[in-house]
Amino acid sequence: MTPPNRFPWPPVIYLAAIAVSIVLGIVYPLPWITGPLSDLLFAAGWLVVAAAVAVEVAAFRAFSRARTTVMPTRVSEHLVTTGPFAFTRNPIYLGNTALTIGIGLIVGSLWFLLFAVLAAVTTQKLTIEPEERHLEARFGKKYRDYRARVRRWL
């Protein structure tokens, strides 16, 4: 069986989104909320980052317990449906998106929020959809039943 992807797109996509957000924030900063609300958004950003890291760690542990690969360039040995995978089919990509949003809230940059959405859409097209086809071909009805129960993102 062939792997779902030949290139590990997600880390490249999210690192590019963060890098471009930083550069654009320096070159062309967008207006940000001021006053007490900015302090709340700063605090919320740290909570979002902490939640994103927790979800990603739990997802990596679920992959490890199932003895299957986390790499989108390798064939899945087992269908993981426990841990955060019981709530979202893509907790790592959800975590990456939340992490990017959280950083944006911490540094007060709309660029991070905009590029987090763009990164999520790009990840869905380049990675998630091929992975879903791979999982359906590999696990058949078991994957289709899981897909019917659990949403792609939230």
N, C-alpha and C. Protein backbone atom coordinates (compact mmCIF):
# COMPACT_ATOMS: atom_id res chain seq x y z
N MET A 1 0.85 -1.19 0.00
CA MET A 1 0.00 0.00 0.00
C MET A 1 0.89 1.24 0.00
N THR A 2 0.48 2.23 -0.75
CA THR A 2 1.26 3.47 -0.82
C THR A 2 0.86 4.40 0.31
N PRO A 3 1.80 5.21 0.77
CA PRO A 3 1.49 6.17 1.85
C PRO A 3 0.59 7.29 1.34
N PRO A 4 -0.07 7.99 2.25
CA PRO A 4 -1.00 9.05 1.83
C PRO A 4 -0.30 10.25 1.18
N ASN A 5 0.94 10.52 1.55
CA ASN A 5 1.68 11.67 1.02
C ASN A 5 3.14 11.29 0.81
N ARG A 6 3.77 11.97 -0.10
CA ARG A 6 5.20 11.78 -0.33
C ARG A 6 6.03 12.83 0.41
N PHE A 7 5.37 13.89 0.85
CA PHE A 7 6.06 15.00 1.53
C PHE A 7 5.30 15.35 2.81
N PRO A 8 6.01 15.59 3.91
CA PRO A 8 5.34 15.94 5.17
C PRO A 8 4.91 17.41 5.19
N TRP A 9 3.78 17.70 4.55
CA TRP A 9 3.31 19.07 4.40
C TRP A 9 3.01 19.81 5.69
N PRO A 10 2.33 19.23 6.67
CA PRO A 10 1.86 20.04 7.82
C PRO A 10 2.93 20.86 8.54
N PRO A 11 4.08 20.29 8.91
CA PRO A 11 5.05 21.16 9.60
C PRO A 11 5.53 22.31 8.72
N VAL A 12 5.70 22.04 7.44
CA VAL A 12 6.15 23.09 6.52
C VAL A 12 5.08 24.18 6.39
N ILE A 13 3.84 23.76 6.26
CA ILE A 13 2.74 24.72 6.11
C ILE A 13 2.62 25.62 7.35
N TYR A 14 2.63 25.01 8.53
CA TYR A 14 2.44 25.81 9.74
C TYR A 14 3.67 26.66 10.07
N LEU A 15 4.87 26.14 9.84
CA LEU A 15 6.06 26.96 10.06
C LEU A 15 6.10 28.13 9.08
N ALA A 16 5.69 27.88 7.83
CA ALA A 16 5.62 28.97 6.85
C ALA A 16 4.59 30.01 7.27
N ALA A 17 3.44 29.56 7.77
CA ALA A 17 2.40 30.49 8.23
C ALA A 17 2.92 31.37 9.36
N ILE A 18 3.64 30.77 10.29
CA ILE A 18 4.20 31.53 11.41
C ILE A 18 5.28 32.49 10.92
N ALA A 19 6.17 32.02 10.05
CA ALA A 19 7.25 32.87 9.53
C ALA A 19 6.70 34.06 8.75
N VAL A 20 5.74 33.80 7.86
CA VAL A 20 5.15 34.88 7.07
C VAL A 20 4.41 35.86 7.99
N SER A 21 3.74 35.35 9.01
CA SER A 21 3.04 36.22 9.96
C SER A 21 4.01 37.13 10.69
N ILE A 22 5.16 36.60 11.07
CA ILE A 22 6.17 37.41 11.75
C ILE A 22 6.68 38.51 10.82
N VAL A 23 7.04 38.12 9.61
CA VAL A 23 7.58 39.08 8.65
C VAL A 23 6.55 40.17 8.33
N LEU A 24 5.31 39.76 8.04
CA LEU A 24 4.28 40.74 7.73
C LEU A 24 3.96 41.63 8.94
N GLY A 25 4.04 41.05 10.14
CA GLY A 25 3.81 41.84 11.34
C GLY A 25 4.86 42.93 11.53
N ILE A 26 6.07 42.67 11.05
CA ILE A 26 7.14 43.67 11.14
C ILE A 26 7.02 44.69 10.00
N VAL A 27 6.82 44.19 8.79
CA VAL A 27 6.79 45.04 7.61
C VAL A 27 5.49 45.83 7.50
N TYR A 28 4.39 45.17 7.80
CA TYR A 28 3.08 45.80 7.64
C TYR A 28 2.18 45.39 8.81
N PRO A 29 2.41 45.98 9.99
CA PRO A 29 1.59 45.61 11.15
C PRO A 29 0.13 46.05 10.98
N LEU A 30 -0.76 45.16 11.32
CA LEU A 30 -2.19 45.47 11.28
C LEU A 30 -2.63 46.00 12.64
N PRO A 31 -3.68 46.81 12.68
CA PRO A 31 -4.15 47.33 13.97
C PRO A 31 -4.60 46.19 14.88
N TRP A 32 -4.41 46.37 16.17
CA TRP A 32 -4.78 45.37 17.17
C TRP A 32 -5.60 46.04 18.25
N ILE A 33 -6.37 45.26 18.94
CA ILE A 33 -7.24 45.75 20.02
C ILE A 33 -6.37 46.29 21.16
N THR A 34 -6.78 47.42 21.73
CA THR A 34 -6.02 48.02 22.83
C THR A 34 -6.82 47.94 24.12
N GLY A 35 -6.21 48.45 25.18
CA GLY A 35 -6.90 48.53 26.47
C GLY A 35 -7.00 47.20 27.17
N PRO A 36 -7.93 47.10 28.08
CA PRO A 36 -8.03 45.89 28.90
C PRO A 36 -8.33 44.64 28.09
N LEU A 37 -9.00 44.79 26.95
CA LEU A 37 -9.31 43.61 26.14
C LEU A 37 -8.05 42.95 25.59
N SER A 38 -7.03 43.76 25.28
CA SER A 38 -5.78 43.18 24.77
C SER A 38 -5.11 42.31 25.83
N ASP A 39 -5.25 42.70 27.10
CA ASP A 39 -4.69 41.88 28.18
C ASP A 39 -5.43 40.54 28.29
N LEU A 40 -6.74 40.58 28.10
CA LEU A 40 -7.53 39.34 28.12
C LEU A 40 -7.15 38.43 26.94
N LEU A 41 -6.96 39.04 25.77
CA LEU A 41 -6.56 38.26 24.60
C LEU A 41 -5.16 37.65 24.79
N PHE A 42 -4.27 38.40 25.42
CA PHE A 42 -2.93 37.89 25.73
C PHE A 42 -3.03 36.66 26.63
N ALA A 43 -3.82 36.76 27.68
CA ALA A 43 -4.01 35.62 28.60
C ALA A 43 -4.68 34.45 27.88
N ALA A 44 -5.70 34.77 27.07
CA ALA A 44 -6.39 33.71 26.32
C ALA A 44 -5.42 33.03 25.36
N GLY A 45 -4.51 33.80 24.79
CA GLY A 45 -3.51 33.22 23.89
C GLY A 45 -2.67 32.16 24.57
N TRP A 46 -2.24 32.43 25.80
CA TRP A 46 -1.45 31.44 26.54
C TRP A 46 -2.28 30.20 26.85
N LEU A 47 -3.56 30.39 27.16
CA LEU A 47 -4.43 29.23 27.40
C LEU A 47 -4.61 28.40 26.14
N VAL A 48 -4.76 29.07 25.00
CA VAL A 48 -4.90 28.37 23.72
C VAL A 48 -3.62 27.60 23.40
N VAL A 49 -2.47 28.22 23.61
CA VAL A 49 -1.19 27.53 23.38
C VAL A 49 -1.06 26.31 24.28
N ALA A 50 -1.40 26.46 25.55
CA ALA A 50 -1.31 25.32 26.48
C ALA A 50 -2.25 24.20 26.06
N ALA A 51 -3.47 24.55 25.67
CA ALA A 51 -4.42 23.53 25.22
C ALA A 51 -3.93 22.85 23.95
N ALA A 52 -3.38 23.62 23.02
CA ALA A 52 -2.87 23.05 21.76
C ALA A 52 -1.76 22.06 22.03
N VAL A 53 -0.84 22.42 22.91
CA VAL A 53 0.27 21.52 23.24
C VAL A 53 -0.26 20.26 23.91
N ALA A 54 -1.22 20.41 24.82
CA ALA A 54 -1.80 19.25 25.51
C ALA A 54 -2.47 18.30 24.52
N VAL A 55 -3.22 18.84 23.57
CA VAL A 55 -3.90 18.01 22.57
C VAL A 55 -2.88 17.28 21.70
N GLU A 56 -1.83 18.00 21.28
CA GLU A 56 -0.82 17.37 20.43
C GLU A 56 -0.06 16.28 21.17
N VAL A 57 0.31 16.53 22.41
CA VAL A 57 1.01 15.50 23.20
C VAL A 57 0.12 14.28 23.37
N ALA A 58 -1.14 14.48 23.67
CA ALA A 58 -2.07 13.36 23.82
C ALA A 58 -2.20 12.59 22.51
N ALA A 59 -2.22 13.29 21.39
CA ALA A 59 -2.32 12.62 20.08
C ALA A 59 -1.06 11.79 19.79
N PHE A 60 0.10 12.35 20.07
CA PHE A 60 1.35 11.60 19.86
C PHE A 60 1.39 10.36 20.75
N ARG A 61 0.91 10.49 21.96
CA ARG A 61 0.86 9.33 22.86
C ARG A 61 -0.10 8.27 22.35
N ALA A 62 -1.24 8.69 21.82
CA ALA A 62 -2.21 7.74 21.26
C ALA A 62 -1.60 6.99 20.08
N PHE A 63 -0.87 7.68 19.23
CA PHE A 63 -0.17 7.02 18.12
C PHE A 63 0.85 6.02 18.65
N SER A 64 1.59 6.44 19.66
CA SER A 64 2.62 5.57 20.24
C SER A 64 2.00 4.31 20.85
N ARG A 65 0.91 4.47 21.61
CA ARG A 65 0.24 3.32 22.22
C ARG A 65 -0.29 2.36 21.16
N ALA A 66 -0.75 2.91 20.03
CA ALA A 66 -1.30 2.08 18.95
C ALA A 66 -0.19 1.49 18.07
N ARG A 67 1.02 1.92 18.33
CA ARG A 67 2.18 1.45 17.55
C ARG A 67 1.99 1.69 16.05
N THR A 68 1.62 2.92 15.75
CA THR A 68 1.46 3.31 14.34
C THR A 68 2.20 4.63 14.13
N THR A 69 2.39 4.98 12.91
CA THR A 69 3.19 6.15 12.58
C THR A 69 2.41 7.45 12.72
N VAL A 70 3.12 8.47 13.08
CA VAL A 70 2.57 9.81 13.13
C VAL A 70 2.90 10.54 11.83
N MET A 71 3.80 9.98 11.05
CA MET A 71 4.28 10.61 9.82
C MET A 71 3.25 10.48 8.69
N PRO A 72 2.88 11.60 8.06
CA PRO A 72 1.92 11.54 6.95
C PRO A 72 2.51 10.94 5.68
N THR A 73 3.80 10.61 5.72
CA THR A 73 4.48 10.01 4.56
C THR A 73 4.63 8.51 4.69
N ARG A 74 4.00 7.93 5.71
CA ARG A 74 4.11 6.48 5.93
C ARG A 74 2.72 5.85 5.99
N VAL A 75 2.67 4.57 5.72
CA VAL A 75 1.42 3.81 5.75
C VAL A 75 0.99 3.60 7.20
N SER A 76 -0.28 3.84 7.49
CA SER A 76 -0.82 3.63 8.84
C SER A 76 -0.97 2.15 9.10
N GLU A 77 -0.50 1.71 10.25
CA GLU A 77 -0.62 0.30 10.65
C GLU A 77 -1.91 0.04 11.40
N HIS A 78 -2.38 1.05 12.14
CA HIS A 78 -3.58 0.89 12.95
C HIS A 78 -4.41 2.17 12.88
N LEU A 79 -5.72 2.03 12.97
CA LEU A 79 -6.61 3.18 13.02
C LEU A 79 -6.73 3.61 14.48
N VAL A 80 -6.33 4.84 14.76
CA VAL A 80 -6.36 5.35 16.13
C VAL A 80 -7.66 6.13 16.33
N THR A 81 -8.45 5.69 17.30
CA THR A 81 -9.75 6.33 17.57
C THR A 81 -9.92 6.70 19.04
N THR A 82 -8.86 6.60 19.82
CA THR A 82 -8.94 6.88 21.26
C THR A 82 -8.21 8.19 21.57
N GLY A 83 -8.31 8.60 22.84
CA GLY A 83 -7.68 9.85 23.24
C GLY A 83 -8.33 11.01 22.51
N PRO A 84 -7.54 11.97 22.05
CA PRO A 84 -8.14 13.11 21.36
C PRO A 84 -8.78 12.72 20.02
N PHE A 85 -8.42 11.56 19.48
CA PHE A 85 -9.02 11.09 18.23
C PHE A 85 -10.48 10.69 18.41
N ALA A 86 -10.94 10.60 19.65
CA ALA A 86 -12.35 10.32 19.90
C ALA A 86 -13.20 11.59 19.71
N PHE A 87 -12.55 12.76 19.67
CA PHE A 87 -13.26 14.04 19.56
C PHE A 87 -13.02 14.74 18.22
N THR A 88 -11.86 14.50 17.62
CA THR A 88 -11.51 15.10 16.34
C THR A 88 -10.63 14.10 15.58
N ARG A 89 -10.85 14.00 14.28
CA ARG A 89 -10.05 13.05 13.49
C ARG A 89 -8.64 13.58 13.25
N ASN A 90 -8.43 14.85 13.51
CA ASN A 90 -7.13 15.47 13.22
C ASN A 90 -6.62 16.33 14.38
N PRO A 91 -6.39 15.74 15.54
CA PRO A 91 -6.00 16.56 16.69
C PRO A 91 -4.66 17.26 16.52
N ILE A 92 -3.73 16.66 15.78
CA ILE A 92 -2.43 17.31 15.61
C ILE A 92 -2.57 18.55 14.73
N TYR A 93 -3.32 18.44 13.65
CA TYR A 93 -3.53 19.60 12.78
C TYR A 93 -4.38 20.66 13.48
N LEU A 94 -5.35 20.22 14.26
CA LEU A 94 -6.13 21.15 15.07
C LEU A 94 -5.22 21.85 16.07
N GLY A 95 -4.33 21.10 16.69
CA GLY A 95 -3.37 21.68 17.63
C GLY A 95 -2.44 22.68 16.95
N ASN A 96 -1.97 22.35 15.75
CA ASN A 96 -1.11 23.28 15.02
C ASN A 96 -1.84 24.58 14.71
N THR A 97 -3.09 24.47 14.32
CA THR A 97 -3.89 25.66 14.02
C THR A 97 -4.12 26.48 15.29
N ALA A 98 -4.48 25.81 16.37
CA ALA A 98 -4.70 26.51 17.64
C ALA A 98 -3.41 27.16 18.14
N LEU A 99 -2.30 26.48 17.97
CA LEU A 99 -1.01 27.04 18.39
C LEU A 99 -0.72 28.33 17.63
N THR A 100 -0.96 28.33 16.34
CA THR A 100 -0.74 29.53 15.52
C THR A 100 -1.67 30.67 15.97
N ILE A 101 -2.91 30.34 16.23
CA ILE A 101 -3.86 31.35 16.72
C ILE A 101 -3.43 31.87 18.10
N GLY A 102 -3.02 30.97 18.97
CA GLY A 102 -2.58 31.37 20.31
C GLY A 102 -1.40 32.31 20.26
N ILE A 103 -0.44 32.02 19.39
CA ILE A 103 0.72 32.91 19.25
C ILE A 103 0.25 34.28 18.78
N GLY A 104 -0.69 34.30 17.84
CA GLY A 104 -1.23 35.57 17.37
C GLY A 104 -1.87 36.38 18.48
N LEU A 105 -2.60 35.71 19.36
CA LEU A 105 -3.23 36.40 20.48
C LEU A 105 -2.19 36.92 21.46
N ILE A 106 -1.13 36.15 21.67
CA ILE A 106 -0.07 36.56 22.60
C ILE A 106 0.68 37.78 22.08
N VAL A 107 1.07 37.74 20.80
CA VAL A 107 1.86 38.84 20.25
C VAL A 107 0.99 39.98 19.71
N GLY A 108 -0.31 39.77 19.66
CA GLY A 108 -1.21 40.82 19.19
C GLY A 108 -1.10 41.08 17.70
N SER A 109 -1.18 40.02 16.91
CA SER A 109 -1.05 40.16 15.46
C SER A 109 -2.16 39.43 14.73
N LEU A 110 -2.91 40.18 13.94
CA LEU A 110 -3.97 39.57 13.13
C LEU A 110 -3.40 38.66 12.04
N TRP A 111 -2.14 38.92 11.65
CA TRP A 111 -1.54 38.08 10.61
C TRP A 111 -1.55 36.61 11.01
N PHE A 112 -1.27 36.32 12.27
CA PHE A 112 -1.27 34.92 12.74
C PHE A 112 -2.65 34.30 12.62
N LEU A 113 -3.68 35.08 12.93
CA LEU A 113 -5.03 34.55 12.86
C LEU A 113 -5.42 34.27 11.41
N LEU A 114 -5.08 35.18 10.52
CA LEU A 114 -5.38 34.99 9.10
C LEU A 114 -4.62 33.80 8.51
N PHE A 115 -3.32 33.71 8.83
CA PHE A 115 -2.53 32.63 8.27
C PHE A 115 -2.81 31.28 8.94
N ALA A 116 -3.35 31.29 10.16
CA ALA A 116 -3.77 30.03 10.79
C ALA A 116 -4.91 29.41 9.99
N VAL A 117 -5.86 30.25 9.57
CA VAL A 117 -6.98 29.76 8.76
C VAL A 117 -6.47 29.27 7.40
N LEU A 118 -5.60 30.03 6.78
CA LEU A 118 -5.04 29.63 5.48
C LEU A 118 -4.25 28.32 5.61
N ALA A 119 -3.49 28.18 6.69
CA ALA A 119 -2.73 26.94 6.92
C ALA A 119 -3.66 25.75 7.12
N ALA A 120 -4.76 25.96 7.83
CA ALA A 120 -5.72 24.87 8.05
C ALA A 120 -6.36 24.43 6.74
N VAL A 121 -6.74 25.38 5.92
CA VAL A 121 -7.35 25.04 4.62
C VAL A 121 -6.34 24.32 3.73
N THR A 122 -5.11 24.81 3.70
CA THR A 122 -4.06 24.18 2.89
C THR A 122 -3.75 22.78 3.40
N THR A 123 -3.68 22.62 4.71
CA THR A 123 -3.43 21.30 5.30
C THR A 123 -4.56 20.34 4.95
N GLN A 124 -5.78 20.83 4.98
CA GLN A 124 -6.91 19.95 4.63
C GLN A 124 -6.77 19.45 3.20
N LYS A 125 -6.44 20.35 2.28
CA LYS A 125 -6.34 19.96 0.87
C LYS A 125 -5.13 19.08 0.59
N LEU A 126 -3.96 19.44 1.12
CA LEU A 126 -2.73 18.72 0.79
C LEU A 126 -2.48 17.47 1.64
N THR A 127 -3.05 17.43 2.84
CA THR A 127 -2.73 16.33 3.75
C THR A 127 -3.95 15.55 4.21
N ILE A 128 -4.94 16.24 4.76
CA ILE A 128 -6.07 15.53 5.37
C ILE A 128 -6.85 14.73 4.34
N GLU A 129 -7.19 15.34 3.23
CA GLU A 129 -7.98 14.61 2.23
C GLU A 129 -7.25 13.39 1.68
N PRO A 130 -5.94 13.48 1.35
CA PRO A 130 -5.23 12.25 0.96
C PRO A 130 -5.15 11.22 2.10
N GLU A 131 -4.97 11.69 3.34
CA GLU A 131 -4.94 10.76 4.48
C GLU A 131 -6.29 10.05 4.62
N GLU A 132 -7.37 10.77 4.44
CA GLU A 132 -8.69 10.16 4.56
C GLU A 132 -8.90 9.08 3.49
N ARG A 133 -8.46 9.36 2.27
CA ARG A 133 -8.56 8.34 1.21
C ARG A 133 -7.70 7.13 1.56
N HIS A 134 -6.52 7.37 2.09
CA HIS A 134 -5.63 6.28 2.51
C HIS A 134 -6.27 5.44 3.62
N LEU A 135 -6.81 6.10 4.62
CA LEU A 135 -7.41 5.37 5.75
C LEU A 135 -8.65 4.58 5.31
N GLU A 136 -9.43 5.15 4.40
CA GLU A 136 -10.59 4.41 3.91
C GLU A 136 -10.15 3.18 3.11
N ALA A 137 -9.13 3.34 2.28
CA ALA A 137 -8.63 2.20 1.50
C ALA A 137 -8.02 1.15 2.42
N ARG A 138 -7.36 1.59 3.48
CA ARG A 138 -6.64 0.68 4.38
C ARG A 138 -7.59 -0.02 5.36
N PHE A 139 -8.57 0.73 5.90
CA PHE A 139 -9.40 0.19 6.99
C PHE A 139 -10.87 0.04 6.64
N GLY A 140 -11.29 0.50 5.47
CA GLY A 140 -12.65 0.27 4.97
C GLY A 140 -13.75 0.74 5.89
N LYS A 141 -14.68 -0.20 6.18
CA LYS A 141 -15.87 0.11 6.98
C LYS A 141 -15.50 0.65 8.36
N LYS A 142 -14.46 0.12 8.95
CA LYS A 142 -14.05 0.58 10.27
C LYS A 142 -13.74 2.09 10.23
N TYR A 143 -13.06 2.54 9.19
CA TYR A 143 -12.77 3.97 9.07
C TYR A 143 -14.04 4.75 8.73
N ARG A 144 -14.86 4.25 7.84
CA ARG A 144 -16.10 4.95 7.48
C ARG A 144 -17.00 5.13 8.71
N ASP A 145 -17.09 4.11 9.55
CA ASP A 145 -17.87 4.23 10.79
C ASP A 145 -17.28 5.29 11.72
N TYR A 146 -15.95 5.28 11.84
CA TYR A 146 -15.26 6.29 12.67
C TYR A 146 -15.50 7.68 12.10
N ARG A 147 -15.38 7.84 10.79
CA ARG A 147 -15.59 9.13 10.12
C ARG A 147 -17.02 9.63 10.35
N ALA A 148 -17.99 8.73 10.39
CA ALA A 148 -19.38 9.11 10.62
C ALA A 148 -19.60 9.59 12.06
N ARG A 149 -18.82 9.07 12.99
CA ARG A 149 -18.96 9.40 14.42
C ARG A 149 -18.20 10.66 14.84
N VAL A 150 -17.03 10.87 14.22
CA VAL A 150 -16.12 11.90 14.70
C VAL A 150 -15.88 12.93 13.58
N ARG A 151 -15.97 14.18 13.95
CA ARG A 151 -15.81 15.26 12.96
C ARG A 151 -14.34 15.42 12.55
N ARG A 152 -14.14 15.99 11.38
CA ARG A 152 -12.79 16.19 10.84
C ARG A 152 -11.99 17.16 11.73
N TRP A 153 -12.58 18.29 12.11
CA TRP A 153 -11.87 19.28 12.90
C TRP A 153 -12.44 19.36 14.32
N LEU A 154 -13.64 19.81 14.45
CA LEU A 154 -14.28 19.93 15.79
C LEU A 154 -15.68 19.38 15.77
